[in-house]
Amino acid sequence: MSMRQTKLWSWHVIAGVVLLVLVGLHMAIMHLNGILNLVGYNPAGEDPIAWENVVFRAQQVTFMIVYILVLAAGLFHGLYGTRTILFELNPSPGVRTLITTVFLILGIGLFIFGSWAAIAARSTALALMQ
């Protein structure tokens, strides 16, 4: 295994850990709402998907950053993992380059679109305040 592959695999594992933590936080926010009422993340009461709670969370810069981190970690973890599985089929060097290029372009494109959506959601939520 080359040094580059070792670094990419390490990032793959780190992305998996980040996903575990952040998706765990998501599960806590959406399903342990009694605890979150104590810390103020559900100001409208018990229902985490009540419109007021959704808008409140969307206004928070922390949530926007977490959404973008989940997006980045999820895209890298998923696309790199799929790339690794496809490479196990032992394709030719040209096909390997094509797979890598397609996944890189797809990942960057989806990251830009998803980040834009998270930023736009926050902007819309802030506009609702006024």
N, C-alpha and C. Protein backbone atom coordinates (compact mmCIF):
# COMPACT_ATOMS: atom_id res chain seq x y z
N MET A 1 0.85 -1.18 0.00
CA MET A 1 0.00 0.00 0.00
C MET A 1 0.90 1.24 0.00
N SER A 2 0.64 2.14 -0.92
CA SER A 2 1.46 3.34 -1.02
C SER A 2 1.10 4.33 0.09
N MET A 3 1.95 5.33 0.25
CA MET A 3 1.72 6.37 1.26
C MET A 3 0.42 7.13 0.97
N ARG A 4 0.16 7.40 -0.31
CA ARG A 4 -1.07 8.10 -0.71
C ARG A 4 -2.30 7.27 -0.34
N GLN A 5 -2.26 5.97 -0.63
CA GLN A 5 -3.38 5.11 -0.30
C GLN A 5 -3.59 5.03 1.21
N THR A 6 -2.50 5.00 1.96
CA THR A 6 -2.60 4.97 3.42
C THR A 6 -3.26 6.24 3.94
N LYS A 7 -2.87 7.39 3.39
CA LYS A 7 -3.49 8.66 3.80
C LYS A 7 -4.97 8.68 3.45
N LEU A 8 -5.32 8.24 2.23
CA LEU A 8 -6.74 8.23 1.84
C LEU A 8 -7.54 7.28 2.72
N TRP A 9 -6.97 6.12 3.03
CA TRP A 9 -7.67 5.17 3.90
C TRP A 9 -7.83 5.74 5.30
N SER A 10 -6.82 6.44 5.79
CA SER A 10 -6.92 7.08 7.10
C SER A 10 -8.04 8.12 7.10
N TRP A 11 -8.12 8.92 6.04
CA TRP A 11 -9.20 9.90 5.93
C TRP A 11 -10.56 9.21 5.84
N HIS A 12 -10.61 8.06 5.18
CA HIS A 12 -11.85 7.28 5.08
C HIS A 12 -12.32 6.85 6.48
N VAL A 13 -11.39 6.38 7.29
CA VAL A 13 -11.72 5.95 8.65
C VAL A 13 -12.12 7.16 9.50
N ILE A 14 -11.39 8.27 9.38
CA ILE A 14 -11.73 9.49 10.11
C ILE A 14 -13.12 9.98 9.72
N ALA A 15 -13.43 9.94 8.42
CA ALA A 15 -14.76 10.36 7.96
C ALA A 15 -15.84 9.46 8.57
N GLY A 16 -15.55 8.17 8.69
CA GLY A 16 -16.51 7.26 9.32
C GLY A 16 -16.76 7.61 10.78
N VAL A 17 -15.70 7.96 11.50
CA VAL A 17 -15.83 8.35 12.91
C VAL A 17 -16.62 9.66 13.01
N VAL A 18 -16.30 10.63 12.15
CA VAL A 18 -17.03 11.91 12.13
C VAL A 18 -18.51 11.65 11.88
N LEU A 19 -18.81 10.79 10.92
CA LEU A 19 -20.21 10.45 10.65
C LEU A 19 -20.88 9.80 11.86
N LEU A 20 -20.18 8.90 12.51
CA LEU A 20 -20.73 8.25 13.70
C LEU A 20 -21.11 9.27 14.76
N VAL A 21 -20.22 10.22 15.01
CA VAL A 21 -20.47 11.24 16.03
C VAL A 21 -21.60 12.18 15.60
N LEU A 22 -21.51 12.71 14.38
CA LEU A 22 -22.50 13.70 13.95
C LEU A 22 -23.88 13.10 13.70
N VAL A 23 -23.93 11.89 13.17
CA VAL A 23 -25.24 11.24 13.01
C VAL A 23 -25.79 10.86 14.38
N GLY A 24 -24.91 10.54 15.32
CA GLY A 24 -25.35 10.31 16.70
C GLY A 24 -25.97 11.56 17.30
N LEU A 25 -25.35 12.72 17.04
CA LEU A 25 -25.94 13.99 17.50
C LEU A 25 -27.30 14.23 16.84
N HIS A 26 -27.38 13.93 15.56
CA HIS A 26 -28.66 14.08 14.86
C HIS A 26 -29.73 13.21 15.50
N MET A 27 -29.38 11.97 15.80
CA MET A 27 -30.35 11.07 16.43
C MET A 27 -30.77 11.60 17.80
N ALA A 28 -29.81 12.16 18.54
CA ALA A 28 -30.14 12.73 19.85
C ALA A 28 -31.10 13.91 19.70
N ILE A 29 -30.82 14.77 18.74
CA ILE A 29 -31.66 15.95 18.54
C ILE A 29 -33.07 15.55 18.12
N MET A 30 -33.17 14.56 17.25
CA MET A 30 -34.47 14.19 16.71
C MET A 30 -35.24 13.22 17.61
N HIS A 31 -34.56 12.48 18.46
CA HIS A 31 -35.26 11.43 19.22
C HIS A 31 -35.11 11.52 20.73
N LEU A 32 -34.23 12.38 21.22
CA LEU A 32 -34.10 12.57 22.66
C LEU A 32 -34.48 14.00 23.01
N ASN A 33 -35.63 14.41 22.50
CA ASN A 33 -36.03 15.81 22.60
C ASN A 33 -36.24 16.28 24.03
N GLY A 34 -36.55 15.41 24.96
CA GLY A 34 -36.70 15.83 26.35
C GLY A 34 -35.41 16.38 26.91
N ILE A 35 -34.29 15.73 26.57
CA ILE A 35 -32.98 16.20 27.02
C ILE A 35 -32.65 17.53 26.36
N LEU A 36 -32.96 17.64 25.07
CA LEU A 36 -32.62 18.85 24.34
C LEU A 36 -33.44 20.05 24.78
N ASN A 37 -34.63 19.82 25.32
CA ASN A 37 -35.41 20.93 25.86
C ASN A 37 -34.66 21.60 27.01
N LEU A 38 -33.90 20.80 27.75
CA LEU A 38 -33.13 21.34 28.86
C LEU A 38 -32.02 22.28 28.40
N VAL A 39 -31.45 22.04 27.23
CA VAL A 39 -30.35 22.87 26.74
C VAL A 39 -30.81 23.90 25.71
N GLY A 40 -32.12 23.95 25.43
CA GLY A 40 -32.66 25.01 24.59
C GLY A 40 -32.67 24.79 23.10
N TYR A 41 -32.50 23.55 22.63
CA TYR A 41 -32.50 23.31 21.19
C TYR A 41 -33.88 23.06 20.62
N ASN A 42 -34.88 22.89 21.44
CA ASN A 42 -36.25 22.74 20.98
C ASN A 42 -37.12 23.77 21.70
N PRO A 43 -36.99 25.04 21.35
CA PRO A 43 -37.69 26.09 22.10
C PRO A 43 -39.20 26.02 21.98
N ALA A 44 -39.73 25.34 20.95
CA ALA A 44 -41.18 25.27 20.78
C ALA A 44 -41.78 24.10 21.53
N GLY A 45 -40.99 23.37 22.27
CA GLY A 45 -41.54 22.26 23.04
C GLY A 45 -41.03 20.91 22.58
N GLU A 46 -41.83 19.90 22.81
CA GLU A 46 -41.41 18.51 22.65
C GLU A 46 -41.11 18.06 21.23
N ASP A 47 -41.83 18.54 20.24
CA ASP A 47 -41.72 18.01 18.89
C ASP A 47 -40.53 18.62 18.14
N PRO A 48 -39.47 17.82 17.88
CA PRO A 48 -38.29 18.38 17.22
C PRO A 48 -38.53 18.77 15.77
N ILE A 49 -39.60 18.24 15.16
CA ILE A 49 -39.87 18.62 13.77
C ILE A 49 -40.97 19.66 13.65
N ALA A 50 -41.35 20.25 14.78
CA ALA A 50 -42.28 21.39 14.72
C ALA A 50 -41.60 22.51 13.96
N TRP A 51 -42.36 23.23 13.17
CA TRP A 51 -41.81 24.27 12.31
C TRP A 51 -40.93 25.26 13.07
N GLU A 52 -41.35 25.66 14.25
CA GLU A 52 -40.57 26.62 15.04
C GLU A 52 -39.20 26.06 15.41
N ASN A 53 -39.15 24.77 15.74
CA ASN A 53 -37.88 24.14 16.08
C ASN A 53 -36.98 23.99 14.85
N VAL A 54 -37.57 23.65 13.72
CA VAL A 54 -36.80 23.53 12.48
C VAL A 54 -36.20 24.88 12.11
N VAL A 55 -37.00 25.94 12.18
CA VAL A 55 -36.51 27.28 11.84
C VAL A 55 -35.43 27.71 12.84
N PHE A 56 -35.66 27.44 14.13
CA PHE A 56 -34.66 27.80 15.14
C PHE A 56 -33.32 27.15 14.84
N ARG A 57 -33.33 25.84 14.56
CA ARG A 57 -32.07 25.14 14.27
C ARG A 57 -31.45 25.65 12.98
N ALA A 58 -32.28 25.94 11.99
CA ALA A 58 -31.75 26.44 10.71
C ALA A 58 -31.08 27.80 10.86
N GLN A 59 -31.49 28.57 11.83
CA GLN A 59 -30.89 29.89 12.05
C GLN A 59 -29.51 29.80 12.70
N GLN A 60 -29.20 28.70 13.33
CA GLN A 60 -27.95 28.55 14.07
C GLN A 60 -26.79 28.24 13.11
N VAL A 61 -25.73 29.02 13.19
CA VAL A 61 -24.57 28.80 12.33
C VAL A 61 -23.92 27.45 12.65
N THR A 62 -24.00 27.01 13.90
CA THR A 62 -23.44 25.72 14.30
C THR A 62 -24.09 24.58 13.52
N PHE A 63 -25.41 24.63 13.39
CA PHE A 63 -26.10 23.56 12.67
C PHE A 63 -25.72 23.57 11.20
N MET A 64 -25.58 24.77 10.61
CA MET A 64 -25.18 24.85 9.21
C MET A 64 -23.80 24.21 9.02
N ILE A 65 -22.88 24.51 9.91
CA ILE A 65 -21.53 23.94 9.82
C ILE A 65 -21.58 22.43 9.99
N VAL A 66 -22.38 21.96 10.92
CA VAL A 66 -22.51 20.51 11.14
C VAL A 66 -23.10 19.84 9.90
N TYR A 67 -24.10 20.45 9.27
CA TYR A 67 -24.68 19.88 8.05
C TYR A 67 -23.63 19.76 6.96
N ILE A 68 -22.80 20.79 6.83
CA ILE A 68 -21.76 20.77 5.80
C ILE A 68 -20.69 19.73 6.13
N LEU A 69 -20.35 19.58 7.41
CA LEU A 69 -19.39 18.54 7.81
C LEU A 69 -19.94 17.13 7.56
N VAL A 70 -21.22 16.93 7.86
CA VAL A 70 -21.84 15.62 7.59
C VAL A 70 -21.82 15.35 6.08
N LEU A 71 -22.14 16.37 5.30
CA LEU A 71 -22.11 16.23 3.85
C LEU A 71 -20.72 15.85 3.36
N ALA A 72 -19.70 16.58 3.81
CA ALA A 72 -18.32 16.29 3.38
C ALA A 72 -17.88 14.90 3.80
N ALA A 73 -18.11 14.56 5.06
CA ALA A 73 -17.69 13.24 5.56
C ALA A 73 -18.46 12.13 4.86
N GLY A 74 -19.75 12.32 4.68
CA GLY A 74 -20.57 11.30 4.03
C GLY A 74 -20.18 11.08 2.58
N LEU A 75 -19.96 12.18 1.85
CA LEU A 75 -19.56 12.05 0.45
C LEU A 75 -18.20 11.37 0.33
N PHE A 76 -17.23 11.82 1.12
CA PHE A 76 -15.90 11.21 1.02
C PHE A 76 -15.96 9.73 1.41
N HIS A 77 -16.59 9.44 2.54
CA HIS A 77 -16.64 8.07 3.03
C HIS A 77 -17.34 7.16 2.01
N GLY A 78 -18.46 7.60 1.50
CA GLY A 78 -19.22 6.79 0.56
C GLY A 78 -18.53 6.63 -0.79
N LEU A 79 -18.05 7.73 -1.34
CA LEU A 79 -17.43 7.66 -2.67
C LEU A 79 -16.08 6.95 -2.62
N TYR A 80 -15.29 7.22 -1.60
CA TYR A 80 -14.01 6.52 -1.50
C TYR A 80 -14.22 5.04 -1.25
N GLY A 81 -15.19 4.71 -0.41
CA GLY A 81 -15.49 3.30 -0.15
C GLY A 81 -15.96 2.58 -1.41
N THR A 82 -16.82 3.24 -2.19
CA THR A 82 -17.30 2.64 -3.45
C THR A 82 -16.15 2.51 -4.44
N ARG A 83 -15.30 3.52 -4.51
CA ARG A 83 -14.12 3.47 -5.38
C ARG A 83 -13.22 2.29 -5.00
N THR A 84 -13.02 2.10 -3.70
CA THR A 84 -12.18 0.99 -3.23
C THR A 84 -12.79 -0.35 -3.62
N ILE A 85 -14.10 -0.47 -3.49
CA ILE A 85 -14.78 -1.72 -3.87
C ILE A 85 -14.62 -1.97 -5.36
N LEU A 86 -14.80 -0.92 -6.17
CA LEU A 86 -14.65 -1.07 -7.62
C LEU A 86 -13.21 -1.44 -7.99
N PHE A 87 -12.24 -0.90 -7.27
CA PHE A 87 -10.84 -1.23 -7.54
C PHE A 87 -10.53 -2.68 -7.19
N GLU A 88 -11.31 -3.28 -6.30
CA GLU A 88 -11.12 -4.70 -5.96
C GLU A 88 -11.41 -5.59 -7.17
N LEU A 89 -12.16 -5.07 -8.14
CA LEU A 89 -12.46 -5.83 -9.37
C LEU A 89 -11.26 -5.84 -10.32
N ASN A 90 -10.20 -5.13 -9.95
CA ASN A 90 -8.95 -5.06 -10.70
C ASN A 90 -9.14 -4.54 -12.14
N PRO A 91 -9.71 -3.34 -12.26
CA PRO A 91 -9.87 -2.78 -13.61
C PRO A 91 -8.53 -2.30 -14.16
N SER A 92 -8.52 -2.01 -15.44
CA SER A 92 -7.29 -1.52 -16.08
C SER A 92 -6.95 -0.12 -15.53
N PRO A 93 -5.70 0.32 -15.69
CA PRO A 93 -5.32 1.65 -15.20
C PRO A 93 -6.19 2.78 -15.77
N GLY A 94 -6.59 2.66 -17.02
CA GLY A 94 -7.44 3.68 -17.62
C GLY A 94 -8.81 3.74 -16.96
N VAL A 95 -9.37 2.58 -16.65
CA VAL A 95 -10.67 2.54 -15.98
C VAL A 95 -10.54 3.05 -14.55
N ARG A 96 -9.43 2.76 -13.90
CA ARG A 96 -9.19 3.28 -12.55
C ARG A 96 -9.17 4.81 -12.57
N THR A 97 -8.47 5.37 -13.56
CA THR A 97 -8.41 6.83 -13.69
C THR A 97 -9.80 7.40 -13.95
N LEU A 98 -10.58 6.74 -14.80
CA LEU A 98 -11.94 7.19 -15.10
C LEU A 98 -12.82 7.16 -13.85
N ILE A 99 -12.75 6.07 -13.10
CA ILE A 99 -13.54 5.94 -11.87
C ILE A 99 -13.17 7.06 -10.90
N THR A 100 -11.88 7.25 -10.70
CA THR A 100 -11.42 8.29 -9.77
C THR A 100 -11.88 9.67 -10.22
N THR A 101 -11.76 9.96 -11.52
CA THR A 101 -12.15 11.27 -12.05
C THR A 101 -13.65 11.49 -11.91
N VAL A 102 -14.44 10.49 -12.26
CA VAL A 102 -15.90 10.63 -12.16
C VAL A 102 -16.31 10.84 -10.70
N PHE A 103 -15.75 10.07 -9.78
CA PHE A 103 -16.11 10.22 -8.37
C PHE A 103 -15.65 11.55 -7.81
N LEU A 104 -14.48 12.02 -8.25
CA LEU A 104 -13.99 13.32 -7.79
C LEU A 104 -14.91 14.45 -8.26
N ILE A 105 -15.27 14.43 -9.53
CA ILE A 105 -16.16 15.47 -10.07
C ILE A 105 -17.54 15.38 -9.41
N LEU A 106 -18.06 14.16 -9.26
CA LEU A 106 -19.36 13.96 -8.62
C LEU A 106 -19.33 14.45 -7.17
N GLY A 107 -18.27 14.10 -6.45
CA GLY A 107 -18.16 14.51 -5.05
C GLY A 107 -18.07 16.01 -4.89
N ILE A 108 -17.25 16.65 -5.70
CA ILE A 108 -17.11 18.11 -5.61
C ILE A 108 -18.42 18.79 -5.99
N GLY A 109 -19.06 18.31 -7.05
CA GLY A 109 -20.34 18.89 -7.46
C GLY A 109 -21.41 18.75 -6.40
N LEU A 110 -21.54 17.57 -5.82
CA LEU A 110 -22.53 17.36 -4.78
C LEU A 110 -22.21 18.16 -3.52
N PHE A 111 -20.92 18.30 -3.21
CA PHE A 111 -20.54 19.09 -2.05
C PHE A 111 -20.90 20.56 -2.25
N ILE A 112 -20.63 21.09 -3.42
CA ILE A 112 -20.97 22.49 -3.70
C ILE A 112 -22.48 22.69 -3.62
N PHE A 113 -23.23 21.80 -4.24
CA PHE A 113 -24.70 21.92 -4.21
C PHE A 113 -25.25 21.78 -2.80
N GLY A 114 -24.77 20.81 -2.06
CA GLY A 114 -25.25 20.59 -0.69
C GLY A 114 -24.87 21.73 0.25
N SER A 115 -23.66 22.26 0.09
CA SER A 115 -23.24 23.41 0.91
C SER A 115 -24.09 24.63 0.59
N TRP A 116 -24.34 24.84 -0.69
CA TRP A 116 -25.22 25.95 -1.09
C TRP A 116 -26.60 25.79 -0.44
N ALA A 117 -27.13 24.56 -0.44
CA ALA A 117 -28.45 24.32 0.15
C ALA A 117 -28.45 24.62 1.65
N ALA A 118 -27.39 24.22 2.36
CA ALA A 118 -27.32 24.49 3.80
C ALA A 118 -27.22 25.98 4.08
N ILE A 119 -26.44 26.69 3.28
CA ILE A 119 -26.30 28.14 3.45
C ILE A 119 -27.61 28.84 3.10
N ALA A 120 -28.26 28.40 2.03
CA ALA A 120 -29.54 28.99 1.62
C ALA A 120 -30.62 28.73 2.66
N ALA A 121 -30.62 27.56 3.27
CA ALA A 121 -31.61 27.25 4.31
C ALA A 121 -31.43 28.18 5.50
N ARG A 122 -30.18 28.44 5.87
CA ARG A 122 -29.92 29.34 6.99
C ARG A 122 -30.35 30.75 6.62
N SER A 123 -30.03 31.20 5.42
CA SER A 123 -30.41 32.54 4.98
C SER A 123 -31.92 32.70 4.98
N THR A 124 -32.62 31.69 4.52
CA THR A 124 -34.09 31.72 4.49
C THR A 124 -34.65 31.77 5.91
N ALA A 125 -34.07 30.98 6.81
CA ALA A 125 -34.54 30.98 8.20
C ALA A 125 -34.29 32.31 8.85
N LEU A 126 -33.15 32.93 8.57
CA LEU A 126 -32.87 34.26 9.14
C LEU A 126 -33.82 35.30 8.57
N ALA A 127 -34.18 35.18 7.30
CA ALA A 127 -35.13 36.11 6.69
C ALA A 127 -36.52 35.98 7.31
N LEU A 128 -36.86 34.78 7.76
CA LEU A 128 -38.16 34.56 8.38
C LEU A 128 -38.27 35.30 9.72
N MET A 129 -37.12 35.55 10.36
CA MET A 129 -37.10 36.25 11.64
C MET A 129 -37.55 37.71 11.48
N GLN A 130 -37.24 38.28 10.34
CA GLN A 130 -37.46 39.73 10.16
C GLN A 130 -38.88 40.05 9.79
